[in-house]
Amino acid sequence: KNEIIYLGIHLFELSGKKAPAFIDRLDLGSPSFFAGLQKDDLIISVGDKKITNCEDFDKAIKDLRPLIKVQILIKRKDEYYKVEVTPIKSELELEIEDKENE
């Protein structure tokens, strides 16, 4: 069963899934928020996966495991930064499981 991974990153997807993976906003208190990611950061890679657009990011996230740190390479203005983020299991999935057990 696929676990739903939560990082707290929301990308600018207005121009579609093929748009570059720029961060639109971060959930307050989320793993990405604590890791120091910021609005307008461009995601270059997640672990060993190169990210060229929003779709790549969505796919890369699916391969992550809860509580196993991943390095995210971002470009902020003209600088590159490596940020370690610890994904967690999505609360959303827990709600779905609860409904199934009722």
C-alpha atoms as a PDB file:
ATOM      1  CA  LYS A   1       0.000   0.000   0.000  1.00  0.00           C
ATOM      2  CA  ASN A   2       1.301   3.428  -0.903  1.00  0.00           C
ATOM      3  CA  GLU A   3       1.912   5.738   1.992  1.00  0.00           C
ATOM      4  CA  ILE A   4       1.000   9.338   1.411  1.00  0.00           C
ATOM      5  CA  ILE A   5       4.081  11.415   2.148  1.00  0.00           C
ATOM      6  CA  TYR A   6       3.779  14.900   3.577  1.00  0.00           C
ATOM      7  CA  LEU A   7       6.426  17.617   3.199  1.00  0.00           C
ATOM      8  CA  GLY A   8       4.212  20.696   3.387  1.00  0.00           C
ATOM      9  CA  ILE A   9       5.333  22.083   0.014  1.00  0.00           C
ATOM     10  CA  HIS A  10       2.849  23.690  -2.352  1.00  0.00           C
ATOM     11  CA  LEU A  11       4.166  24.509  -5.831  1.00  0.00           C
ATOM     12  CA  PHE A  12       3.058  27.170  -8.309  1.00  0.00           C
ATOM     13  CA  GLU A  13       0.978  24.976 -10.574  1.00  0.00           C
ATOM     14  CA  LEU A  14      -1.009  27.698 -12.298  1.00  0.00           C
ATOM     15  CA  SER A  15       0.821  27.153 -15.580  1.00  0.00           C
ATOM     16  CA  GLY A  16       0.369  23.393 -15.300  1.00  0.00           C
ATOM     17  CA  LYS A  17       2.354  20.305 -14.344  1.00  0.00           C
ATOM     18  CA  LYS A  18       5.140  21.092 -16.832  1.00  0.00           C
ATOM     19  CA  ALA A  19       5.930  24.400 -15.123  1.00  0.00           C
ATOM     20  CA  PRO A  20       9.227  24.681 -13.186  1.00  0.00           C
ATOM     21  CA  ALA A  21       8.896  23.528  -9.568  1.00  0.00           C
ATOM     22  CA  PHE A  22       8.833  26.854  -7.749  1.00  0.00           C
ATOM     23  CA  ILE A  23       7.522  26.847  -4.174  1.00  0.00           C
ATOM     24  CA  ASP A  24       4.318  28.860  -3.853  1.00  0.00           C
ATOM     25  CA  ARG A  25       3.917  28.355  -0.104  1.00  0.00           C
ATOM     26  CA  LEU A  26       4.814  26.090   2.798  1.00  0.00           C
ATOM     27  CA  ASP A  27       2.509  24.811   5.497  1.00  0.00           C
ATOM     28  CA  LEU A  28       3.395  26.381   8.823  1.00  0.00           C
ATOM     29  CA  GLY A  29       5.064  23.828  11.086  1.00  0.00           C
ATOM     30  CA  SER A  30       5.580  21.331   8.243  1.00  0.00           C
ATOM     31  CA  PRO A  31       8.837  19.377   7.654  1.00  0.00           C
ATOM     32  CA  SER A  32       9.797  21.739   4.802  1.00  0.00           C
ATOM     33  CA  PHE A  33       9.023  24.800   6.885  1.00  0.00           C
ATOM     34  CA  PHE A  34      11.340  23.584   9.657  1.00  0.00           C
ATOM     35  CA  ALA A  35      14.008  22.647   7.095  1.00  0.00           C
ATOM     36  CA  GLY A  36      14.180  26.283   6.008  1.00  0.00           C
ATOM     37  CA  LEU A  37      12.699  26.103   2.524  1.00  0.00           C
ATOM     38  CA  GLN A  38      11.126  29.347   1.342  1.00  0.00           C
ATOM     39  CA  LYS A  39       8.509  30.700  -1.036  1.00  0.00           C
ATOM     40  CA  ASP A  40       9.957  31.168  -4.555  1.00  0.00           C
ATOM     41  CA  ASP A  41      12.709  28.556  -4.041  1.00  0.00           C
ATOM     42  CA  LEU A  42      13.161  26.512  -7.219  1.00  0.00           C
ATOM     43  CA  ILE A  43      13.421  22.769  -6.558  1.00  0.00           C
ATOM     44  CA  ILE A  44      16.300  21.281  -8.583  1.00  0.00           C
ATOM     45  CA  SER A  45      16.408  17.762  -7.165  1.00  0.00           C
ATOM     46  CA  VAL A  46      14.859  15.532  -4.516  1.00  0.00           C
ATOM     47  CA  GLY A  47      17.343  12.894  -3.378  1.00  0.00           C
ATOM     48  CA  ASP A  48      18.951  11.600  -6.575  1.00  0.00           C
ATOM     49  CA  LYS A  49      16.006  12.593  -8.774  1.00  0.00           C
ATOM     50  CA  LYS A  50      16.358  15.623 -11.017  1.00  0.00           C
ATOM     51  CA  ILE A  51      13.303  17.878 -10.947  1.00  0.00           C
ATOM     52  CA  THR A  52      12.525  19.840 -14.093  1.00  0.00           C
ATOM     53  CA  ASN A  53       8.854  20.534 -13.428  1.00  0.00           C
ATOM     54  CA  CYS A  54       5.960  20.126 -10.985  1.00  0.00           C
ATOM     55  CA  GLU A  55       5.118  16.677 -12.323  1.00  0.00           C
ATOM     56  CA  ASP A  56       8.663  15.417 -11.605  1.00  0.00           C
ATOM     57  CA  PHE A  57       8.331  16.704  -8.049  1.00  0.00           C
ATOM     58  CA  ASP A  58       5.007  14.918  -7.534  1.00  0.00           C
ATOM     59  CA  LYS A  59       6.555  11.657  -8.780  1.00  0.00           C
ATOM     60  CA  ALA A  60       9.706  12.026  -6.661  1.00  0.00           C
ATOM     61  CA  ILE A  61       7.673  12.576  -3.492  1.00  0.00           C
ATOM     62  CA  LYS A  62       5.839   9.279  -4.017  1.00  0.00           C
ATOM     63  CA  ASP A  63       9.138   7.384  -3.624  1.00  0.00           C
ATOM     64  CA  LEU A  64      10.007   8.950  -0.273  1.00  0.00           C
ATOM     65  CA  ARG A  65       9.633   7.125   3.028  1.00  0.00           C
ATOM     66  CA  PRO A  66       8.311   8.597   6.270  1.00  0.00           C
ATOM     67  CA  LEU A  67      11.006   9.707   8.740  1.00  0.00           C
ATOM     68  CA  ILE A  68      13.841   8.995   6.287  1.00  0.00           C
ATOM     69  CA  LYS A  69      15.698  12.225   5.531  1.00  0.00           C
ATOM     70  CA  VAL A  70      16.005  13.364   1.948  1.00  0.00           C
ATOM     71  CA  GLN A  71      18.238  16.051   0.500  1.00  0.00           C
ATOM     72  CA  ILE A  72      16.453  18.668  -1.547  1.00  0.00           C
ATOM     73  CA  LEU A  73      18.596  20.881  -3.775  1.00  0.00           C
ATOM     74  CA  ILE A  74      17.084  24.294  -4.359  1.00  0.00           C
ATOM     75  CA  LYS A  75      18.029  27.446  -6.200  1.00  0.00           C
ATOM     76  CA  ARG A  76      17.297  30.679  -4.336  1.00  0.00           C
ATOM     77  CA  LYS A  77      18.031  33.783  -6.406  1.00  0.00           C
ATOM     78  CA  ASP A  78      21.507  32.889  -7.760  1.00  0.00           C
ATOM     79  CA  GLU A  79      22.596  30.560  -4.980  1.00  0.00           C
ATOM     80  CA  TYR A  80      22.176  26.802  -4.650  1.00  0.00           C
ATOM     81  CA  TYR A  81      21.339  25.263  -1.270  1.00  0.00           C
ATOM     82  CA  LYS A  82      21.054  21.688  -0.073  1.00  0.00           C
ATOM     83  CA  VAL A  83      18.339  21.253   2.516  1.00  0.00           C
ATOM     84  CA  GLU A  84      17.627  18.096   4.520  1.00  0.00           C
ATOM     85  CA  VAL A  85      13.934  17.407   4.936  1.00  0.00           C
ATOM     86  CA  THR A  86      12.382  14.605   6.967  1.00  0.00           C
ATOM     87  CA  PRO A  87       9.100  13.538   5.337  1.00  0.00           C
ATOM     88  CA  ILE A  88       6.258  12.416   7.562  1.00  0.00           C
ATOM     89  CA  LYS A  89       3.230  10.245   6.933  1.00  0.00           C
ATOM     90  CA  SER A  90       0.311  12.366   5.829  1.00  0.00           C
ATOM     91  CA  GLU A  91      -2.497  13.025   8.304  1.00  0.00           C
ATOM     92  CA  LEU A  92      -4.791  12.808   5.304  1.00  0.00           C
ATOM     93  CA  GLU A  93      -4.012   9.116   4.966  1.00  0.00           C
ATOM     94  CA  LEU A  94      -4.736   8.533   8.648  1.00  0.00           C
ATOM     95  CA  GLU A  95      -8.199  10.047   8.152  1.00  0.00           C
ATOM     96  CA  ILE A  96      -8.821   7.774   5.159  1.00  0.00           C
ATOM     97  CA  GLU A  97      -7.757   4.724   7.216  1.00  0.00           C
ATOM     98  CA  ASP A  98     -10.096   5.736  10.046  1.00  0.00           C
ATOM     99  CA  LYS A  99     -13.038   5.948   7.642  1.00  0.00           C
ATOM    100  CA  GLU A 100     -12.242   2.483   6.261  1.00  0.00           C
ATOM    101  CA  ASN A 101     -12.234   0.997   9.764  1.00  0.00           C
ATOM    102  CA  GLU A 102     -15.629   2.395  10.765  1.00  0.00           C
END
